[in-house]
Amino acid sequence: MATRFVRVEQALGLSAGLFDAEDADVWAAVDQAIGAEIPEAPDLDFKGDWWGKPLVEMAKDCATFANGLGGVIVVGSMTSTATWPPDGNQCN
């Protein structure tokens, strides 16, 4: 059984589970959430520039979620005009 992030799924407007939804539905929900300026929360974080950060900063972001109740980190553009997924990859 996949982990459920019900509050995040509700914030993103996903009727299926985050990990059960089709990739296109997840990307559309993320794009919609960014456009609607859904606020970050203890279980939802948006990172516009992840790969340019020092590894220790990336580790802190992940550890914060791992040491709490978990959550979802959305990596990519912070604008509502972004094309999702930003690099054309599918979500895993």
PDB file of N, CA and C in Angstrom:
ATOM      1  N   MET A   1       0.842  -1.165   0.000  1.00  0.00           N
ATOM      2  CA  MET A   1       0.000   0.000   0.000  1.00  0.00           C
ATOM      3  C   MET A   1       0.894   1.237   0.000  1.00  0.00           C
ATOM      4  N   ALA A   2       0.572   2.187  -0.867  1.00  0.00           N
ATOM      5  CA  ALA A   2       1.342   3.413  -0.979  1.00  0.00           C
ATOM      6  C   ALA A   2       1.043   4.352   0.188  1.00  0.00           C
ATOM      7  N   THR A   3       2.041   5.156   0.532  1.00  0.00           N
ATOM      8  CA  THR A   3       1.850   6.179   1.549  1.00  0.00           C
ATOM      9  C   THR A   3       0.869   7.212   1.027  1.00  0.00           C
ATOM     10  N   ARG A   4      -0.023   7.674   1.879  1.00  0.00           N
ATOM     11  CA  ARG A   4      -1.002   8.690   1.484  1.00  0.00           C
ATOM     12  C   ARG A   4      -0.675  10.007   2.180  1.00  0.00           C
ATOM     13  N   PHE A   5      -0.768  11.080   1.439  1.00  0.00           N
ATOM     14  CA  PHE A   5      -0.627  12.433   1.962  1.00  0.00           C
ATOM     15  C   PHE A   5      -1.943  13.141   1.677  1.00  0.00           C
ATOM     16  N   VAL A   6      -2.962  12.799   2.457  1.00  0.00           N
ATOM     17  CA  VAL A   6      -4.331  13.232   2.195  1.00  0.00           C
ATOM     18  C   VAL A   6      -4.440  14.748   2.136  1.00  0.00           C
ATOM     19  N   ARG A   7      -3.842  15.471   3.083  1.00  0.00           N
ATOM     20  CA  ARG A   7      -3.929  16.928   3.063  1.00  0.00           C
ATOM     21  C   ARG A   7      -3.292  17.504   1.805  1.00  0.00           C
ATOM     22  N   VAL A   8      -2.160  16.959   1.396  1.00  0.00           N
ATOM     23  CA  VAL A   8      -1.500  17.416   0.169  1.00  0.00           C
ATOM     24  C   VAL A   8      -2.362  17.078  -1.046  1.00  0.00           C
ATOM     25  N   GLU A   9      -2.921  15.883  -1.070  1.00  0.00           N
ATOM     26  CA  GLU A   9      -3.799  15.484  -2.178  1.00  0.00           C
ATOM     27  C   GLU A   9      -4.993  16.422  -2.275  1.00  0.00           C
ATOM     28  N   GLN A  10      -5.553  16.814  -1.128  1.00  0.00           N
ATOM     29  CA  GLN A  10      -6.682  17.746  -1.123  1.00  0.00           C
ATOM     30  C   GLN A  10      -6.235  19.124  -1.599  1.00  0.00           C
ATOM     31  N   ALA A  11      -5.075  19.586  -1.143  1.00  0.00           N
ATOM     32  CA  ALA A  11      -4.568  20.899  -1.552  1.00  0.00           C
ATOM     33  C   ALA A  11      -4.317  20.943  -3.058  1.00  0.00           C
ATOM     34  N   LEU A  12      -3.849  19.818  -3.611  1.00  0.00           N
ATOM     35  CA  LEU A  12      -3.576  19.753  -5.046  1.00  0.00           C
ATOM     36  C   LEU A  12      -4.831  19.432  -5.857  1.00  0.00           C
ATOM     37  N   GLY A  13      -5.907  19.058  -5.177  1.00  0.00           N
ATOM     38  CA  GLY A  13      -7.146  18.750  -5.872  1.00  0.00           C
ATOM     39  C   GLY A  13      -7.139  17.406  -6.571  1.00  0.00           C
ATOM     40  N   LEU A  14      -6.386  16.456  -6.037  1.00  0.00           N
ATOM     41  CA  LEU A  14      -6.324  15.113  -6.627  1.00  0.00           C
ATOM     42  C   LEU A  14      -7.372  14.224  -5.974  1.00  0.00           C
ATOM     43  N   SER A  15      -8.239  13.628  -6.781  1.00  0.00           N
ATOM     44  CA  SER A  15      -9.236  12.725  -6.221  1.00  0.00           C
ATOM     45  C   SER A  15      -8.636  11.343  -5.974  1.00  0.00           C
ATOM     46  N   ALA A  16      -7.694  10.939  -6.828  1.00  0.00           N
ATOM     47  CA  ALA A  16      -6.969   9.680  -6.610  1.00  0.00           C
ATOM     48  C   ALA A  16      -5.794   9.989  -5.692  1.00  0.00           C
ATOM     49  N   GLY A  17      -5.208   8.987  -5.108  1.00  0.00           N
ATOM     50  CA  GLY A  17      -4.029   9.188  -4.284  1.00  0.00           C
ATOM     51  C   GLY A  17      -2.892   9.777  -5.098  1.00  0.00           C
ATOM     52  N   LEU A  18      -2.024  10.510  -4.444  1.00  0.00           N
ATOM     53  CA  LEU A  18      -0.895  11.151  -5.111  1.00  0.00           C
ATOM     54  C   LEU A  18      -0.088  10.153  -5.929  1.00  0.00           C
ATOM     55  N   PHE A  19       0.095   8.961  -5.396  1.00  0.00           N
ATOM     56  CA  PHE A  19       0.902   7.959  -6.075  1.00  0.00           C
ATOM     57  C   PHE A  19       0.068   7.011  -6.933  1.00  0.00           C
ATOM     58  N   ASP A  20      -1.254   7.179  -6.902  1.00  0.00           N
ATOM     59  CA  ASP A  20      -2.146   6.357  -7.709  1.00  0.00           C
ATOM     60  C   ASP A  20      -2.648   7.095  -8.949  1.00  0.00           C
ATOM     61  N   ALA A  21      -2.547   8.410  -8.940  1.00  0.00           N
ATOM     62  CA  ALA A  21      -3.055   9.218 -10.049  1.00  0.00           C
ATOM     63  C   ALA A  21      -2.148   9.070 -11.274  1.00  0.00           C
ATOM     64  N   GLU A  22      -2.722   9.312 -12.430  1.00  0.00           N
ATOM     65  CA  GLU A  22      -1.943   9.314 -13.665  1.00  0.00           C
ATOM     66  C   GLU A  22      -0.941  10.472 -13.627  1.00  0.00           C
ATOM     67  N   ASP A  23       0.231  10.287 -14.258  1.00  0.00           N
ATOM     68  CA  ASP A  23       1.257  11.334 -14.265  1.00  0.00           C
ATOM     69  C   ASP A  23       0.712  12.671 -14.752  1.00  0.00           C
ATOM     70  N   ALA A  24      -0.052  12.656 -15.839  1.00  0.00           N
ATOM     71  CA  ALA A  24      -0.586  13.899 -16.394  1.00  0.00           C
ATOM     72  C   ALA A  24      -1.490  14.605 -15.391  1.00  0.00           C
ATOM     73  N   ASP A  25      -2.239  13.845 -14.603  1.00  0.00           N
ATOM     74  CA  ASP A  25      -3.119  14.439 -13.593  1.00  0.00           C
ATOM     75  C   ASP A  25      -2.314  15.079 -12.470  1.00  0.00           C
ATOM     76  N   VAL A  26      -1.209  14.424 -12.080  1.00  0.00           N
ATOM     77  CA  VAL A  26      -0.350  14.979 -11.027  1.00  0.00           C
ATOM     78  C   VAL A  26       0.270  16.283 -11.504  1.00  0.00           C
ATOM     79  N   TRP A  27       0.819  16.279 -12.727  1.00  0.00           N
ATOM     80  CA  TRP A  27       1.461  17.504 -13.239  1.00  0.00           C
ATOM     81  C   TRP A  27       0.437  18.622 -13.407  1.00  0.00           C
ATOM     82  N   ALA A  28      -0.752  18.302 -13.862  1.00  0.00           N
ATOM     83  CA  ALA A  28      -1.795  19.320 -14.005  1.00  0.00           C
ATOM     84  C   ALA A  28      -2.175  19.885 -12.636  1.00  0.00           C
ATOM     85  N   ALA A  29      -2.260  19.030 -11.627  1.00  0.00           N
ATOM     86  CA  ALA A  29      -2.599  19.475 -10.274  1.00  0.00           C
ATOM     87  C   ALA A  29      -1.503  20.371  -9.706  1.00  0.00           C
ATOM     88  N   VAL A  30      -0.244  20.019  -9.940  1.00  0.00           N
ATOM     89  CA  VAL A  30       0.877  20.839  -9.467  1.00  0.00           C
ATOM     90  C   VAL A  30       0.843  22.199 -10.153  1.00  0.00           C
ATOM     91  N   ASP A  31       0.635  22.207 -11.476  1.00  0.00           N
ATOM     92  CA  ASP A  31       0.575  23.458 -12.223  1.00  0.00           C
ATOM     93  C   ASP A  31      -0.563  24.329 -11.708  1.00  0.00           C
ATOM     94  N   GLN A  32      -1.696  23.723 -11.441  1.00  0.00           N
ATOM     95  CA  GLN A  32      -2.861  24.446 -10.924  1.00  0.00           C
ATOM     96  C   GLN A  32      -2.581  24.997  -9.522  1.00  0.00           C
ATOM     97  N   ALA A  33      -1.907  24.215  -8.698  1.00  0.00           N
ATOM     98  CA  ALA A  33      -1.578  24.647  -7.334  1.00  0.00           C
ATOM     99  C   ALA A  33      -0.632  25.844  -7.358  1.00  0.00           C
ATOM    100  N   ILE A  34       0.341  25.817  -8.264  1.00  0.00           N
ATOM    101  CA  ILE A  34       1.265  26.949  -8.372  1.00  0.00           C
ATOM    102  C   ILE A  34       0.520  28.181  -8.855  1.00  0.00           C
ATOM    103  N   GLY A  35      -0.335  28.007  -9.865  1.00  0.00           N
ATOM    104  CA  GLY A  35      -1.117  29.128 -10.375  1.00  0.00           C
ATOM    105  C   GLY A  35      -2.041  29.718  -9.328  1.00  0.00           C
ATOM    106  N   ALA A  36      -2.573  28.872  -8.459  1.00  0.00           N
ATOM    107  CA  ALA A  36      -3.477  29.321  -7.400  1.00  0.00           C
ATOM    108  C   ALA A  36      -2.716  29.791  -6.157  1.00  0.00           C
ATOM    109  N   GLU A  37      -1.389  29.697  -6.231  1.00  0.00           N
ATOM    110  CA  GLU A  37      -0.523  30.095  -5.117  1.00  0.00           C
ATOM    111  C   GLU A  37      -0.883  29.386  -3.824  1.00  0.00           C
ATOM    112  N   ILE A  38      -1.071  28.060  -3.936  1.00  0.00           N
ATOM    113  CA  ILE A  38      -1.295  27.228  -2.749  1.00  0.00           C
ATOM    114  C   ILE A  38      -0.088  27.414  -1.826  1.00  0.00           C
ATOM    115  N   PRO A  39      -0.297  27.759  -0.574  1.00  0.00           N
ATOM    116  CA  PRO A  39       0.843  28.024   0.314  1.00  0.00           C
ATOM    117  C   PRO A  39       1.569  26.750   0.718  1.00  0.00           C
ATOM    118  N   GLU A  40       2.856  26.922   0.995  1.00  0.00           N
ATOM    119  CA  GLU A  40       3.614  25.813   1.552  1.00  0.00           C
ATOM    120  C   GLU A  40       3.073  25.507   2.941  1.00  0.00           C
ATOM    121  N   ALA A  41       3.332  24.292   3.392  1.00  0.00           N
ATOM    122  CA  ALA A  41       2.849  23.838   4.694  1.00  0.00           C
ATOM    123  C   ALA A  41       3.870  22.850   5.253  1.00  0.00           C
ATOM    124  N   PRO A  42       3.678  22.402   6.471  1.00  0.00           N
ATOM    125  CA  PRO A  42       4.629  21.437   7.034  1.00  0.00           C
ATOM    126  C   PRO A  42       4.759  20.155   6.207  1.00  0.00           C
ATOM    127  N   ASP A  43       3.765  19.841   5.370  1.00  0.00           N
ATOM    128  CA  ASP A  43       3.828  18.625   4.561  1.00  0.00           C
ATOM    129  C   ASP A  43       3.880  18.913   3.054  1.00  0.00           C
ATOM    130  N   LEU A  44       4.094  20.179   2.679  1.00  0.00           N
ATOM    131  CA  LEU A  44       4.153  20.548   1.266  1.00  0.00           C
ATOM    132  C   LEU A  44       5.156  21.671   1.085  1.00  0.00           C
ATOM    133  N   ASP A  45       6.147  21.437   0.234  1.00  0.00           N
ATOM    134  CA  ASP A  45       7.203  22.413   0.013  1.00  0.00           C
ATOM    135  C   ASP A  45       7.471  22.534  -1.481  1.00  0.00           C
ATOM    136  N   PHE A  46       7.648  23.749  -1.966  1.00  0.00           N
ATOM    137  CA  PHE A  46       7.980  23.997  -3.366  1.00  0.00           C
ATOM    138  C   PHE A  46       9.417  24.480  -3.447  1.00  0.00           C
ATOM    139  N   LYS A  47      10.192  23.882  -4.328  1.00  0.00           N
ATOM    140  CA  LYS A  47      11.582  24.276  -4.534  1.00  0.00           C
ATOM    141  C   LYS A  47      11.768  24.663  -5.991  1.00  0.00           C
ATOM    142  N   GLY A  48      12.059  25.927  -6.229  1.00  0.00           N
ATOM    143  CA  GLY A  48      12.295  26.386  -7.590  1.00  0.00           C
ATOM    144  C   GLY A  48      13.674  25.991  -8.079  1.00  0.00           C
ATOM    145  N   ASP A  49      14.672  26.112  -7.220  1.00  0.00           N
ATOM    146  CA  ASP A  49      16.048  25.782  -7.592  1.00  0.00           C
ATOM    147  C   ASP A  49      16.592  24.783  -6.585  1.00  0.00           C
ATOM    148  N   TRP A  50      16.531  23.538  -6.933  1.00  0.00           N
ATOM    149  CA  TRP A  50      16.967  22.467  -6.038  1.00  0.00           C
ATOM    150  C   TRP A  50      18.384  22.040  -6.359  1.00  0.00           C
ATOM    151  N   TRP A  51      18.669  21.846  -7.637  1.00  0.00           N
ATOM    152  CA  TRP A  51      19.933  21.234  -8.043  1.00  0.00           C
ATOM    153  C   TRP A  51      21.120  22.164  -7.874  1.00  0.00           C
ATOM    154  N   GLY A  52      20.902  23.472  -7.799  1.00  0.00           N
ATOM    155  CA  GLY A  52      22.007  24.403  -7.618  1.00  0.00           C
ATOM    156  C   GLY A  52      22.390  24.592  -6.158  1.00  0.00           C
ATOM    157  N   LYS A  53      21.661  23.960  -5.250  1.00  0.00           N
ATOM    158  CA  LYS A  53      21.923  24.119  -3.825  1.00  0.00           C
ATOM    159  C   LYS A  53      23.049  23.195  -3.367  1.00  0.00           C
ATOM    160  N   PRO A  54      23.779  23.582  -2.328  1.00  0.00           N
ATOM    161  CA  PRO A  54      24.746  22.656  -1.735  1.00  0.00           C
ATOM    162  C   PRO A  54      24.022  21.401  -1.223  1.00  0.00           C
ATOM    163  N   LEU A  55      24.695  20.277  -1.295  1.00  0.00           N
ATOM    164  CA  LEU A  55      24.084  19.009  -0.857  1.00  0.00           C
ATOM    165  C   LEU A  55      23.581  19.069   0.574  1.00  0.00           C
ATOM    166  N   VAL A  56      24.281  19.781   1.440  1.00  0.00           N
ATOM    167  CA  VAL A  56      23.853  19.847   2.837  1.00  0.00           C
ATOM    168  C   VAL A  56      22.489  20.534   2.942  1.00  0.00           C
ATOM    169  N   GLU A  57      22.211  21.516   2.108  1.00  0.00           N
ATOM    170  CA  GLU A  57      20.909  22.187   2.136  1.00  0.00           C
ATOM    171  C   GLU A  57      19.804  21.267   1.630  1.00  0.00           C
ATOM    172  N   MET A  58      20.104  20.498   0.591  1.00  0.00           N
ATOM    173  CA  MET A  58      19.129  19.525   0.087  1.00  0.00           C
ATOM    174  C   MET A  58      18.846  18.484   1.163  1.00  0.00           C
ATOM    175  N   ALA A  59      19.876  18.043   1.855  1.00  0.00           N
ATOM    176  CA  ALA A  59      19.710  17.043   2.917  1.00  0.00           C
ATOM    177  C   ALA A  59      18.854  17.595   4.054  1.00  0.00           C
ATOM    178  N   LYS A  60      19.032  18.871   4.393  1.00  0.00           N
ATOM    179  CA  LYS A  60      18.212  19.488   5.449  1.00  0.00           C
ATOM    180  C   LYS A  60      16.738  19.493   5.056  1.00  0.00           C
ATOM    181  N   ASP A  61      16.463  19.833   3.794  1.00  0.00           N
ATOM    182  CA  ASP A  61      15.073  19.845   3.328  1.00  0.00           C
ATOM    183  C   ASP A  61      14.439  18.462   3.477  1.00  0.00           C
ATOM    184  N   CYS A  62      15.160  17.445   3.044  1.00  0.00           N
ATOM    185  CA  CYS A  62      14.645  16.066   3.126  1.00  0.00           C
ATOM    186  C   CYS A  62      14.526  15.607   4.579  1.00  0.00           C
ATOM    187  N   ALA A  63      15.517  15.931   5.392  1.00  0.00           N
ATOM    188  CA  ALA A  63      15.505  15.500   6.789  1.00  0.00           C
ATOM    189  C   ALA A  63      14.355  16.129   7.557  1.00  0.00           C
ATOM    190  N   THR A  64      14.012  17.359   7.212  1.00  0.00           N
ATOM    191  CA  THR A  64      12.894  18.033   7.875  1.00  0.00           C
ATOM    192  C   THR A  64      11.614  17.226   7.697  1.00  0.00           C
ATOM    193  N   PHE A  65      11.381  16.730   6.490  1.00  0.00           N
ATOM    194  CA  PHE A  65      10.185  15.924   6.226  1.00  0.00           C
ATOM    195  C   PHE A  65      10.318  14.545   6.861  1.00  0.00           C
ATOM    196  N   ALA A  66      11.497  13.952   6.765  1.00  0.00           N
ATOM    197  CA  ALA A  66      11.705  12.603   7.296  1.00  0.00           C
ATOM    198  C   ALA A  66      11.561  12.570   8.811  1.00  0.00           C
ATOM    199  N   ASN A  67      11.958  13.644   9.480  1.00  0.00           N
ATOM    200  CA  ASN A  67      11.875  13.694  10.941  1.00  0.00           C
ATOM    201  C   ASN A  67      10.496  14.123  11.436  1.00  0.00           C
ATOM    202  N   GLY A  68       9.645  14.535  10.526  1.00  0.00           N
ATOM    203  CA  GLY A  68       8.286  14.927  10.891  1.00  0.00           C
ATOM    204  C   GLY A  68       7.308  13.851  10.458  1.00  0.00           C
ATOM    205  N   LEU A  69       6.187  14.283   9.942  1.00  0.00           N
ATOM    206  CA  LEU A  69       5.157  13.343   9.502  1.00  0.00           C
ATOM    207  C   LEU A  69       5.283  12.993   8.021  1.00  0.00           C
ATOM    208  N   GLY A  70       6.334  13.495   7.378  1.00  0.00           N
ATOM    209  CA  GLY A  70       6.506  13.258   5.949  1.00  0.00           C
ATOM    210  C   GLY A  70       5.881  14.376   5.158  1.00  0.00           C
ATOM    211  N   GLY A  71       5.891  14.227   3.862  1.00  0.00           N
ATOM    212  CA  GLY A  71       5.305  15.242   3.011  1.00  0.00           C
ATOM    213  C   GLY A  71       5.801  15.128   1.592  1.00  0.00           C
ATOM    214  N   VAL A  72       5.561  16.171   0.835  1.00  0.00           N
ATOM    215  CA  VAL A  72       5.878  16.190  -0.585  1.00  0.00           C
ATOM    216  C   VAL A  72       6.693  17.443  -0.889  1.00  0.00           C
ATOM    217  N   ILE A  73       7.807  17.265  -1.581  1.00  0.00           N
ATOM    218  CA  ILE A  73       8.609  18.376  -2.064  1.00  0.00           C
ATOM    219  C   ILE A  73       8.426  18.425  -3.573  1.00  0.00           C
ATOM    220  N   VAL A  74       7.895  19.539  -4.078  1.00  0.00           N
ATOM    221  CA  VAL A  74       7.697  19.732  -5.511  1.00  0.00           C
ATOM    222  C   VAL A  74       8.887  20.531  -6.019  1.00  0.00           C
ATOM    223  N   VAL A  75       9.644  19.935  -6.934  1.00  0.00           N
ATOM    224  CA  VAL A  75      10.852  20.566  -7.458  1.00  0.00           C
ATOM    225  C   VAL A  75      10.592  21.060  -8.875  1.00  0.00           C
ATOM    226  N   GLY A  76      10.929  22.315  -9.146  1.00  0.00           N
ATOM    227  CA  GLY A  76      10.774  22.886 -10.481  1.00  0.00           C
ATOM    228  C   GLY A  76      10.408  24.337 -10.409  1.00  0.00           C
ATOM    229  N   SER A  77       9.882  24.869 -11.475  1.00  0.00           N
ATOM    230  CA  SER A  77       9.552  26.281 -11.574  1.00  0.00           C
ATOM    231  C   SER A  77       8.484  26.680 -10.569  1.00  0.00           C
ATOM    232  N   MET A  78       8.559  27.917 -10.116  1.00  0.00           N
ATOM    233  CA  MET A  78       7.596  28.443  -9.150  1.00  0.00           C
ATOM    234  C   MET A  78       6.550  29.321  -9.826  1.00  0.00           C
ATOM    235  N   THR A  79       6.500  29.333 -11.168  1.00  0.00           N
ATOM    236  CA  THR A  79       5.568  30.229 -11.846  1.00  0.00           C
ATOM    237  C   THR A  79       4.388  29.458 -12.410  1.00  0.00           C
ATOM    238  N   SER A  80       3.270  30.137 -12.543  1.00  0.00           N
ATOM    239  CA  SER A  80       2.081  29.482 -13.066  1.00  0.00           C
ATOM    240  C   SER A  80       2.161  29.266 -14.563  1.00  0.00           C
ATOM    241  N   THR A  81       3.163  29.859 -15.235  1.00  0.00           N
ATOM    242  CA  THR A  81       3.304  29.674 -16.679  1.00  0.00           C
ATOM    243  C   THR A  81       4.247  28.532 -17.014  1.00  0.00           C
ATOM    244  N   ALA A  82       4.656  27.788 -16.001  1.00  0.00           N
ATOM    245  CA  ALA A  82       5.592  26.684 -16.222  1.00  0.00           C
ATOM    246  C   ALA A  82       4.931  25.560 -17.005  1.00  0.00           C
ATOM    247  N   THR A  83       5.737  24.839 -17.729  1.00  0.00           N
ATOM    248  CA  THR A  83       5.270  23.636 -18.400  1.00  0.00           C
ATOM    249  C   THR A  83       5.637  22.466 -17.509  1.00  0.00           C
ATOM    250  N   TRP A  84       4.660  21.657 -17.142  1.00  0.00           N
ATOM    251  CA  TRP A  84       4.916  20.528 -16.254  1.00  0.00           C
ATOM    252  C   TRP A  84       4.835  19.236 -17.013  1.00  0.00           C
ATOM    253  N   PRO A  85       5.753  18.309 -16.759  1.00  0.00           N
ATOM    254  CA  PRO A  85       6.935  18.476 -15.934  1.00  0.00           C
ATOM    255  C   PRO A  85       7.956  19.360 -16.626  1.00  0.00           C
ATOM    256  N   PRO A  86       8.790  20.103 -15.858  1.00  0.00           N
ATOM    257  CA  PRO A  86       9.697  21.077 -16.449  1.00  0.00           C
ATOM    258  C   PRO A  86      10.711  20.482 -17.415  1.00  0.00           C
ATOM    259  N   ASP A  87      11.160  19.265 -17.175  1.00  0.00           N
ATOM    260  CA  ASP A  87      12.161  18.670 -18.059  1.00  0.00           C
ATOM    261  C   ASP A  87      11.580  17.566 -18.944  1.00  0.00           C
ATOM    262  N   GLY A  88      10.286  17.404 -18.930  1.00  0.00           N
ATOM    263  CA  GLY A  88       9.643  16.390 -19.767  1.00  0.00           C
ATOM    264  C   GLY A  88       9.650  14.995 -19.183  1.00  0.00           C
ATOM    265  N   ASN A  89      10.225  14.807 -18.004  1.00  0.00           N
ATOM    266  CA  ASN A  89      10.272  13.484 -17.371  1.00  0.00           C
ATOM    267  C   ASN A  89       8.931  13.133 -16.762  1.00  0.00           C
ATOM    268  N   GLN A  90       8.699  11.845 -16.596  1.00  0.00           N
ATOM    269  CA  GLN A  90       7.516  11.378 -15.894  1.00  0.00           C
ATOM    270  C   GLN A  90       7.812  11.327 -14.411  1.00  0.00           C
ATOM    271  N   CYS A  91       6.772  11.420 -13.572  1.00  0.00           N
ATOM    272  CA  CYS A  91       7.017  11.303 -12.138  1.00  0.00           C
ATOM    273  C   CYS A  91       7.178   9.837 -11.771  1.00  0.00           C
ATOM    274  N   ASN A  92       7.942   9.617 -10.735  1.00  0.00           N
ATOM    275  CA  ASN A  92       8.236   8.255 -10.285  1.00  0.00           C
ATOM    276  C   ASN A  92       7.629   8.015  -8.930  1.00  0.00           C
TER     277      ASN A  92
END
